[in-house]
Amino acid sequence: MEIKNFILGVLSVFVLNTIKSQSISFDKIGFTQNGDRSENIEIISNKENFSPWWKIIVDNNKPLSTIDFEKERVIVVSRGTCATGSHGVSVDSVFQENDNLIVEITYTNPGDNCYTASVIIAPSVLIRINNKDLPLVFRKKTIIKDCEH
């Protein structure tokens, strides 16, 4: 009887974890090193707010990407001003956890032994999420990328 209860307990944990961590598809629409100068996350819910970001992050000369704002959200993640060209920002994954969408963001910094260009940049990324309804929770981590010489 104890083994049966143990197996049922393990299966319950597996099923609950599967339900609470469902991957959500997202598309990276664009990236720039010349984005918002302040650290910022902006959720865009209409074409009027999307258009200026498209011009900054993607291309002022390309036709505006078609977004169905009834079903999709666009998110801009801006790292803010960085003192060297070796800093970055990325969205790694989006998944549903309970009743929230978790957006995992990574900031990348150069290691101490890296050669870096002395140029001021402002990395920003633009993504589209195929879910309009669930609340968003952003989880940010910073990693150091060491360089070999």
Protein backbone atom coordinates (compact mmCIF):
# COMPACT_ATOMS: atom_id res chain seq x y z
CA MET A 1 0.00 0.00 0.00
CA GLU A 2 2.88 2.39 0.82
CA ILE A 3 4.46 1.84 -2.62
CA LYS A 4 1.13 2.56 -4.33
CA ASN A 5 0.74 5.82 -2.35
CA PHE A 6 4.33 6.79 -3.16
CA ILE A 7 3.80 6.19 -6.91
CA LEU A 8 0.53 8.15 -6.84
CA GLY A 9 2.32 11.01 -5.04
CA VAL A 10 5.12 11.10 -7.63
CA LEU A 11 2.61 11.02 -10.49
CA SER A 12 0.60 13.84 -8.87
CA VAL A 13 3.70 16.03 -8.61
CA PHE A 14 4.59 15.26 -12.25
CA VAL A 15 1.09 16.10 -13.49
CA LEU A 16 0.88 19.31 -11.44
CA ASN A 17 4.30 20.47 -12.68
CA THR A 18 3.31 19.70 -16.26
CA ILE A 19 0.12 21.75 -15.92
CA LYS A 20 1.78 24.72 -14.26
CA SER A 21 4.71 24.98 -16.67
CA GLN A 22 3.24 24.97 -20.17
CA SER A 23 5.47 26.59 -22.79
CA ILE A 24 3.94 29.51 -24.70
CA SER A 25 5.13 30.31 -28.20
CA PHE A 26 6.64 33.71 -28.84
CA ASP A 27 8.41 35.36 -31.76
CA LYS A 28 11.37 37.68 -31.60
CA ILE A 29 10.32 40.48 -33.95
CA GLY A 30 13.46 42.57 -33.68
CA PHE A 31 16.54 43.63 -31.74
CA THR A 32 18.58 46.81 -31.63
CA GLN A 33 21.61 48.16 -29.79
CA ASN A 34 20.09 51.63 -30.07
CA GLY A 35 16.82 51.33 -28.15
CA ASP A 36 15.33 52.90 -25.04
CA ARG A 37 18.00 54.61 -22.92
CA SER A 38 16.30 53.59 -19.67
CA GLU A 39 15.69 50.08 -18.35
CA ASN A 40 12.08 49.40 -19.21
CA ILE A 41 9.52 46.75 -20.06
CA GLU A 42 6.58 47.94 -22.11
CA ILE A 43 3.51 45.90 -23.00
CA ILE A 44 2.02 47.06 -26.28
CA SER A 45 -1.67 46.43 -26.88
CA ASN A 46 -2.46 48.41 -30.03
CA LYS A 47 -1.09 49.40 -33.42
CA GLU A 48 -0.63 53.06 -32.48
CA ASN A 49 1.79 52.17 -29.66
CA PHE A 50 3.46 49.45 -31.73
CA SER A 51 4.39 51.60 -34.71
CA PRO A 52 7.04 53.80 -32.99
CA TRP A 53 8.76 50.77 -31.48
CA TRP A 54 8.77 49.02 -34.87
CA LYS A 55 10.57 52.04 -36.34
CA ILE A 56 13.16 52.13 -33.55
CA ILE A 57 13.87 48.42 -33.15
CA VAL A 58 13.15 46.84 -36.54
CA ASP A 59 13.35 49.27 -39.44
CA ASN A 60 11.77 52.58 -40.25
CA ASN A 61 11.63 51.62 -43.95
CA LYS A 62 10.07 48.15 -43.61
CA PRO A 63 6.28 47.75 -43.65
CA LEU A 64 4.80 47.39 -40.19
CA SER A 65 4.45 43.75 -39.08
CA THR A 66 0.86 42.51 -38.84
CA ILE A 67 -0.13 41.87 -35.24
CA ASP A 68 -3.57 40.65 -34.19
CA PHE A 69 -3.93 42.69 -30.99
CA GLU A 70 -7.15 40.82 -30.20
CA LYS A 71 -5.11 37.62 -29.65
CA GLU A 72 -1.48 38.74 -29.28
CA ARG A 73 0.65 41.05 -27.20
CA VAL A 74 3.90 42.74 -28.09
CA ILE A 75 6.50 43.35 -25.42
CA VAL A 76 9.54 45.61 -25.54
CA VAL A 77 12.36 44.76 -23.14
CA SER A 78 14.93 47.54 -22.91
CA ARG A 79 18.18 47.03 -21.06
CA GLY A 80 18.93 50.74 -20.72
CA THR A 81 22.21 52.50 -21.39
CA CYS A 82 25.35 50.36 -21.23
CA ALA A 83 28.92 51.67 -21.38
CA THR A 84 30.31 49.05 -23.76
CA GLY A 85 29.21 47.16 -26.85
CA SER A 86 29.38 43.76 -25.16
CA HIS A 87 26.16 44.02 -23.15
CA GLY A 88 22.96 42.36 -24.30
CA VAL A 89 19.35 41.50 -23.52
CA SER A 90 17.29 38.49 -24.61
CA VAL A 91 13.97 36.84 -23.91
CA ASP A 92 14.74 33.17 -23.31
CA SER A 93 11.33 31.64 -22.75
CA VAL A 94 7.69 32.27 -22.04
CA PHE A 95 5.61 29.75 -20.15
CA GLN A 96 2.41 29.49 -18.20
CA GLU A 97 2.77 28.90 -14.48
CA ASN A 98 -0.54 28.63 -12.66
CA ASP A 99 -2.55 31.66 -13.84
CA ASN A 100 0.41 33.77 -15.05
CA LEU A 101 2.64 33.98 -18.08
CA ILE A 102 6.27 33.99 -17.00
CA VAL A 103 8.65 35.86 -19.31
CA GLU A 104 12.28 34.94 -18.63
CA ILE A 105 14.76 37.68 -19.54
CA THR A 106 18.56 37.50 -19.55
CA TYR A 107 20.95 40.43 -19.36
CA THR A 108 24.42 39.56 -20.62
CA ASN A 109 27.52 41.39 -19.35
CA PRO A 110 31.14 40.98 -20.48
CA GLY A 111 33.57 39.27 -18.14
CA ASP A 112 36.62 41.00 -16.66
CA ASN A 113 38.97 39.54 -19.28
CA CYS A 114 36.88 40.63 -22.30
CA TYR A 115 37.93 43.30 -24.73
CA THR A 116 35.01 45.65 -25.20
CA ALA A 117 34.28 48.53 -27.52
CA SER A 118 33.94 51.82 -25.67
CA VAL A 119 30.62 52.77 -27.16
CA ILE A 120 27.36 53.60 -25.45
CA ILE A 121 24.56 51.23 -26.43
CA ALA A 122 20.99 50.56 -25.32
CA PRO A 123 19.99 46.97 -26.17
CA SER A 124 16.27 46.39 -26.70
CA VAL A 125 14.31 43.38 -27.94
CA LEU A 126 10.78 43.26 -29.34
CA ILE A 127 8.71 40.05 -29.02
CA ARG A 128 5.19 38.88 -29.84
CA ILE A 129 3.31 36.52 -27.49
CA ASN A 130 0.38 34.43 -28.67
CA ASN A 131 -1.65 34.97 -25.51
CA LYS A 132 -3.62 38.09 -24.72
CA ASP A 133 -5.34 37.27 -21.44
CA LEU A 134 -3.05 36.01 -18.68
CA PRO A 135 -1.16 38.41 -16.40
CA LEU A 136 2.57 38.74 -17.15
CA VAL A 137 5.35 38.14 -14.64
CA PHE A 138 8.90 39.04 -15.66
CA ARG A 139 11.89 37.13 -14.28
CA LYS A 140 15.24 38.69 -14.99
CA LYS A 141 18.70 37.26 -14.52
CA THR A 142 22.14 38.61 -15.36
CA ILE A 143 24.95 36.42 -16.63
CA ILE A 144 28.61 37.22 -17.17
CA LYS A 145 30.10 35.95 -20.43
CA ASP A 146 33.80 35.33 -20.01
CA CYS A 147 36.08 35.72 -23.01
CA GLU A 148 39.10 33.65 -23.93
CA HIS A 149 42.23 35.30 -25.27
